[in-house]
C-alpha atoms as a PDB file:
ATOM      1  CA  MET A   1       2.057 -34.599  -1.766  1.00  0.00           C
ATOM      2  CA  THR A   2      -0.697 -35.238   0.774  1.00  0.00           C
ATOM      3  CA  THR A   3      -0.378 -34.645   4.158  1.00  0.00           C
ATOM      4  CA  THR A   4      -1.054 -36.810   7.231  1.00  0.00           C
ATOM      5  CA  GLY A   5      -2.903 -36.159  10.330  1.00  0.00           C
ATOM      6  CA  ASN A   6       0.477 -36.318  12.055  1.00  0.00           C
ATOM      7  CA  GLU A   7       2.516 -34.314   9.499  1.00  0.00           C
ATOM      8  CA  LEU A   8       0.958 -31.186  10.098  1.00  0.00           C
ATOM      9  CA  PRO A   9       1.677 -30.675  13.743  1.00  0.00           C
ATOM     10  CA  SER A  10       4.903 -32.087  13.201  1.00  0.00           C
ATOM     11  CA  ARG A  11       5.657 -29.098  10.761  1.00  0.00           C
ATOM     12  CA  LEU A  12       4.461 -26.409  12.896  1.00  0.00           C
ATOM     13  CA  LYS A  13       6.450 -28.030  15.922  1.00  0.00           C
ATOM     14  CA  THR A  14       9.748 -27.801  13.617  1.00  0.00           C
ATOM     15  CA  ILE A  15       8.717 -24.064  12.610  1.00  0.00           C
ATOM     16  CA  LEU A  16       8.127 -23.023  16.191  1.00  0.00           C
ATOM     17  CA  GLU A  17      11.232 -24.664  17.989  1.00  0.00           C
ATOM     18  CA  GLY A  18      13.502 -23.801  15.191  1.00  0.00           C
ATOM     19  CA  LEU A  19      12.277 -20.045  15.411  1.00  0.00           C
ATOM     20  CA  ASN A  20      12.819 -20.085  19.059  1.00  0.00           C
ATOM     21  CA  GLU A  21      16.471 -21.110  18.411  1.00  0.00           C
ATOM     22  CA  ILE A  22      16.718 -18.188  15.725  1.00  0.00           C
ATOM     23  CA  ILE A  23      15.480 -16.018  18.219  1.00  0.00           C
ATOM     24  CA  LEU A  24      17.521 -16.934  20.968  1.00  0.00           C
ATOM     25  CA  GLN A  25      20.592 -17.005  19.031  1.00  0.00           C
ATOM     26  CA  TYR A  26      20.147 -13.573  17.464  1.00  0.00           C
ATOM     27  CA  ARG A  27      18.279 -11.953  19.829  1.00  0.00           C
ATOM     28  CA  PRO A  28      16.069  -9.742  17.702  1.00  0.00           C
ATOM     29  CA  GLU A  29      14.005  -6.747  19.509  1.00  0.00           C
ATOM     30  CA  GLN A  30      10.898  -6.858  17.036  1.00  0.00           C
ATOM     31  CA  VAL A  31       9.333  -9.176  14.173  1.00  0.00           C
ATOM     32  CA  ALA A  32       7.557  -8.211  11.409  1.00  0.00           C
ATOM     33  CA  VAL A  33       5.037 -10.590   9.321  1.00  0.00           C
ATOM     34  CA  GLU A  34       3.225 -10.457   6.123  1.00  0.00           C
ATOM     35  CA  GLN A  35      -0.322 -10.965   6.633  1.00  0.00           C
ATOM     36  CA  VAL A  36      -2.206 -13.839   5.010  1.00  0.00           C
ATOM     37  CA  PHE A  37      -3.636 -13.215   1.744  1.00  0.00           C
ATOM     38  CA  VAL A  38      -6.732 -15.474   0.274  1.00  0.00           C
ATOM     39  CA  ASN A  39      -4.664 -17.360  -2.303  1.00  0.00           C
ATOM     40  CA  VAL A  40      -6.358 -19.385  -5.315  1.00  0.00           C
ATOM     41  CA  ASN A  41      -5.907 -22.419  -3.576  1.00  0.00           C
ATOM     42  CA  PRO A  42      -7.867 -22.185   0.051  1.00  0.00           C
ATOM     43  CA  LYS A  43      -5.551 -25.484   1.408  1.00  0.00           C
ATOM     44  CA  SER A  44      -2.146 -23.549   0.450  1.00  0.00           C
ATOM     45  CA  THR A  45      -3.814 -20.298   2.159  1.00  0.00           C
ATOM     46  CA  LEU A  46      -4.707 -22.625   5.342  1.00  0.00           C
ATOM     47  CA  LEU A  47      -1.427 -24.083   5.690  1.00  0.00           C
ATOM     48  CA  LEU A  48       0.347 -20.631   5.140  1.00  0.00           C
ATOM     49  CA  GLY A  49      -1.637 -19.518   7.968  1.00  0.00           C
ATOM     50  CA  GLN A  50      -0.702 -21.886  10.150  1.00  0.00           C
ATOM     51  CA  ALA A  51       2.989 -21.511   9.670  1.00  0.00           C
ATOM     52  CA  ARG A  52       2.553 -17.993  10.259  1.00  0.00           C
ATOM     53  CA  GLY A  53       0.881 -18.542  13.378  1.00  0.00           C
ATOM     54  CA  ALA A  54       3.561 -20.402  14.698  1.00  0.00           C
ATOM     55  CA  ALA A  55       5.949 -17.882  13.686  1.00  0.00           C
ATOM     56  CA  ILE A  56       3.873 -15.297  15.594  1.00  0.00           C
ATOM     57  CA  CYS A  57       3.462 -17.706  18.658  1.00  0.00           C
ATOM     58  CA  ALA A  58       7.306 -17.970  18.767  1.00  0.00           C
ATOM     59  CA  ALA A  59       7.769 -14.240  18.734  1.00  0.00           C
ATOM     60  CA  VAL A  60       5.129 -13.709  21.513  1.00  0.00           C
ATOM     61  CA  HIS A  61       6.630 -16.743  23.347  1.00  0.00           C
ATOM     62  CA  ASN A  62       9.795 -14.773  23.499  1.00  0.00           C
ATOM     63  CA  GLN A  63       7.998 -11.241  24.511  1.00  0.00           C
ATOM     64  CA  LEU A  64       8.984  -9.654  20.926  1.00  0.00           C
ATOM     65  CA  PHE A  65       6.880  -6.388  19.374  1.00  0.00           C
ATOM     66  CA  VAL A  66       5.190  -7.805  16.233  1.00  0.00           C
ATOM     67  CA  SER A  67       3.925  -5.906  13.338  1.00  0.00           C
ATOM     68  CA  GLU A  68       2.070  -7.016  10.481  1.00  0.00           C
ATOM     69  CA  TYR A  69       1.823  -5.650   6.823  1.00  0.00           C
ATOM     70  CA  THR A  70      -0.114  -6.382   3.955  1.00  0.00           C
ATOM     71  CA  ALA A  71       1.792  -7.316   0.626  1.00  0.00           C
ATOM     72  CA  LEU A  72       0.415  -4.075  -0.696  1.00  0.00           C
ATOM     73  CA  GLN A  73       2.085  -2.015   2.290  1.00  0.00           C
ATOM     74  CA  ILE A  74       5.464  -4.083   1.840  1.00  0.00           C
ATOM     75  CA  LYS A  75       5.651  -3.533  -2.040  1.00  0.00           C
ATOM     76  CA  GLN A  76       4.737   0.336  -1.684  1.00  0.00           C
ATOM     77  CA  ALA A  77       7.279   0.654   1.083  1.00  0.00           C
ATOM     78  CA  VAL A  78      10.073  -1.043  -0.822  1.00  0.00           C
ATOM     79  CA  VAL A  79       9.524  -0.276  -4.680  1.00  0.00           C
ATOM     80  CA  GLY A  80       7.147   2.437  -4.604  1.00  0.00           C
ATOM     81  CA  ASN A  81       4.207   0.897  -6.211  1.00  0.00           C
ATOM     82  CA  GLY A  82       1.772  -1.582  -4.230  1.00  0.00           C
ATOM     83  CA  HIS A  83       1.386  -3.521  -7.088  1.00  0.00           C
ATOM     84  CA  ALA A  84       5.327  -4.568  -8.349  1.00  0.00           C
ATOM     85  CA  ARG A  85       6.028  -7.731  -9.563  1.00  0.00           C
ATOM     86  CA  LYS A  86       8.214 -10.122  -7.299  1.00  0.00           C
ATOM     87  CA  GLU A  87      11.282  -9.314  -9.505  1.00  0.00           C
ATOM     88  CA  GLN A  88      10.914  -5.867  -8.959  1.00  0.00           C
ATOM     89  CA  VAL A  89      10.936  -6.341  -5.209  1.00  0.00           C
ATOM     90  CA  GLN A  90      14.114  -8.812  -5.639  1.00  0.00           C
ATOM     91  CA  GLU A  91      15.649  -6.088  -7.507  1.00  0.00           C
ATOM     92  CA  MET A  92      15.067  -3.081  -5.183  1.00  0.00           C
ATOM     93  CA  VAL A  93      15.941  -5.678  -2.187  1.00  0.00           C
ATOM     94  CA  MET A  94      19.116  -6.170  -3.712  1.00  0.00           C
ATOM     95  CA  ARG A  95      19.852  -2.727  -4.323  1.00  0.00           C
ATOM     96  CA  LEU A  96      18.674  -1.342  -0.898  1.00  0.00           C
ATOM     97  CA  LEU A  97      20.500  -3.896   0.904  1.00  0.00           C
ATOM     98  CA  GLN A  98      23.632  -3.566  -1.339  1.00  0.00           C
ATOM     99  CA  LEU A  99      23.456  -7.348  -2.035  1.00  0.00           C
ATOM    100  CA  ALA A 100      25.789  -8.794  -4.610  1.00  0.00           C
ATOM    101  CA  ALA A 101      22.897 -10.892  -5.975  1.00  0.00           C
ATOM    102  CA  ARG A 102      19.031 -10.908  -6.151  1.00  0.00           C
ATOM    103  CA  PRO A 103      17.861 -12.768  -3.429  1.00  0.00           C
ATOM    104  CA  ARG A 104      15.498 -15.809  -3.931  1.00  0.00           C
ATOM    105  CA  PRO A 105      11.971 -14.734  -4.029  1.00  0.00           C
ATOM    106  CA  ASP A 106      10.842 -15.949  -0.719  1.00  0.00           C
ATOM    107  CA  ALA A 107      14.062 -14.544   0.896  1.00  0.00           C
ATOM    108  CA  ALA A 108      13.239 -10.983  -0.790  1.00  0.00           C
ATOM    109  CA  ASP A 109       9.834 -11.203   0.525  1.00  0.00           C
ATOM    110  CA  ALA A 110      11.124 -11.507   4.041  1.00  0.00           C
ATOM    111  CA  LEU A 111      13.446  -8.928   3.750  1.00  0.00           C
ATOM    112  CA  ALA A 112      11.352  -6.596   1.922  1.00  0.00           C
ATOM    113  CA  CYS A 113       8.899  -7.084   5.014  1.00  0.00           C
ATOM    114  CA  ALA A 114      11.634  -6.002   7.216  1.00  0.00           C
ATOM    115  CA  ILE A 115      12.510  -2.645   5.067  1.00  0.00           C
ATOM    116  CA  CYS A 116       8.806  -2.355   5.151  1.00  0.00           C
ATOM    117  CA  HIS A 117       8.961  -2.458   9.051  1.00  0.00           C
ATOM    118  CA  ALA A 118      12.137  -0.284   9.331  1.00  0.00           C
ATOM    119  CA  HIS A 119      10.425   2.347   7.161  1.00  0.00           C
ATOM    120  CA  MET A 120       7.497   2.263   9.146  1.00  0.00           C
ATOM    121  CA  HIS A 121       8.788   2.373  12.491  1.00  0.00           C
ATOM    122  CA  VAL A 122      11.899   4.254  11.984  1.00  0.00           C
ATOM    123  CA  ASN A 123      11.351   6.319  15.099  1.00  0.00           C
ATOM    124  CA  PHE A 124      11.115   3.293  17.312  1.00  0.00           C
ATOM    125  CA  PHE A 125      14.505   2.030  16.754  1.00  0.00           C
ATOM    126  CA  PRO A 126      17.074   3.699  19.308  1.00  0.00           C
ATOM    127  CA  ALA A 127      18.963   6.575  17.226  1.00  0.00           C
ATOM    128  CA  ALA A 128      22.093   5.768  18.876  1.00  0.00           C
ATOM    129  CA  ARG A 129      22.337   2.792  16.839  1.00  0.00           C
ATOM    130  CA  TYR A 130      22.604   4.395  13.418  1.00  0.00           C
ATOM    131  CA  ARG A 131      24.698   7.171  11.891  1.00  0.00           C
ATOM    132  CA  MET A 132      22.701  10.393  10.380  1.00  0.00           C
ATOM    133  CA  LYS A 133      24.118  12.992   8.263  1.00  0.00           C
ATOM    134  CA  ARG A 134      21.971  16.151   7.237  1.00  0.00           C
ATOM    135  CA  GLY A 135      18.828  14.054   8.982  1.00  0.00           C
ATOM    136  CA  ARG A 136      19.237  11.113   6.800  1.00  0.00           C
ATOM    137  CA  GLN A 137      20.017   7.378   8.154  1.00  0.00           C
ATOM    138  CA  LEU A 138      23.062   6.161   6.725  1.00  0.00           C
END
């Protein structure tokens, strides 16, 4: 599939507007994103970076706190192994979030990023929102 000059700005606009709508609807307090890694295909890496930039712009525009994590950090936080396979990430996300089925790989990556953020910033969240038992969050 080739991209014409007008397609890319249209896609980025769709991402930006779509995320603005989601932010207005769900009112998140923070955003966590995965840092771009250099892929085998430089064009794919560039397109991913542009989409990621649109997502960060939506968060910043809505005055949200943005945290960035490497794939290694995310996998380490979720699986305990920074070099875990996608299937391992999917399985751990399913278990940690008590999902009925494995999420698709992209959804699992996004959820894993959120889990990583929660692990890294557990003291950032107001304690009143979570039940605690013997120092453990329930």
